[in-house]
């Protein structure tokens, strides 16, 4: 058995977390393309790190439903049918809308500047066509709000569901003003929550989910 010092264990863990974050972002933004097979060795070379943390990161992404293993070859992005995406959005509506109704009027004052900063980041990224920055701020915004409902498992479940669908239609959002429309929807949702208007927040979240679902599945 290999004995690692605490600093070495921390280093390996940190590399795995960084590799996981970078590969997940590449999957969600489409840089890692559906249909192509990627090996841990290939991605490790691109990231400039050893194979072990990259392989562990890819196995974690398999557990999260973003990648699937291809025997003796590597990994590829899991492709979803329109029916799969519809199921995920139905689950998201069942989970997120009631949670945000509970959050309405209960957003701590200390959280408001960070949430407004995330909206501003989305708006700037939308105007610049910066999809990775937009998606990261979008994810942080929604999961921060859900965390205020006080259910850690809810946050984890929604985070995984969001990641599984974000690689579909993310490119479409970046064209035709879709990113800016989405960013502005977040601004309205935050205003409703801060004002304690649960009904308005419910309606806006429903409309936001319908909008993004329609972008992801334009032919359904």
Foldseek 3Di string as FASTA:
>chain_A
DDDDDPVVVVVLVVLLVVLLVVVLLCLLQCVQPAPDFDALVRVCVVVVHDSVSSVVSVVVVVVLQQWDADPPTHIGGDDDDLVVLVVLLVVCLVQQLVLLLVLAQPDDPVCVVVLVVLLVQLQVCLVVLPLSSNVVSVLCNSLVSSVSSVDPVSSVVNSSSCSSQSSQLSVVCSPDSNSNVLSVLSVQLVVRRNNSNSVSNSVSVVVSSVVVSCSRCVPD
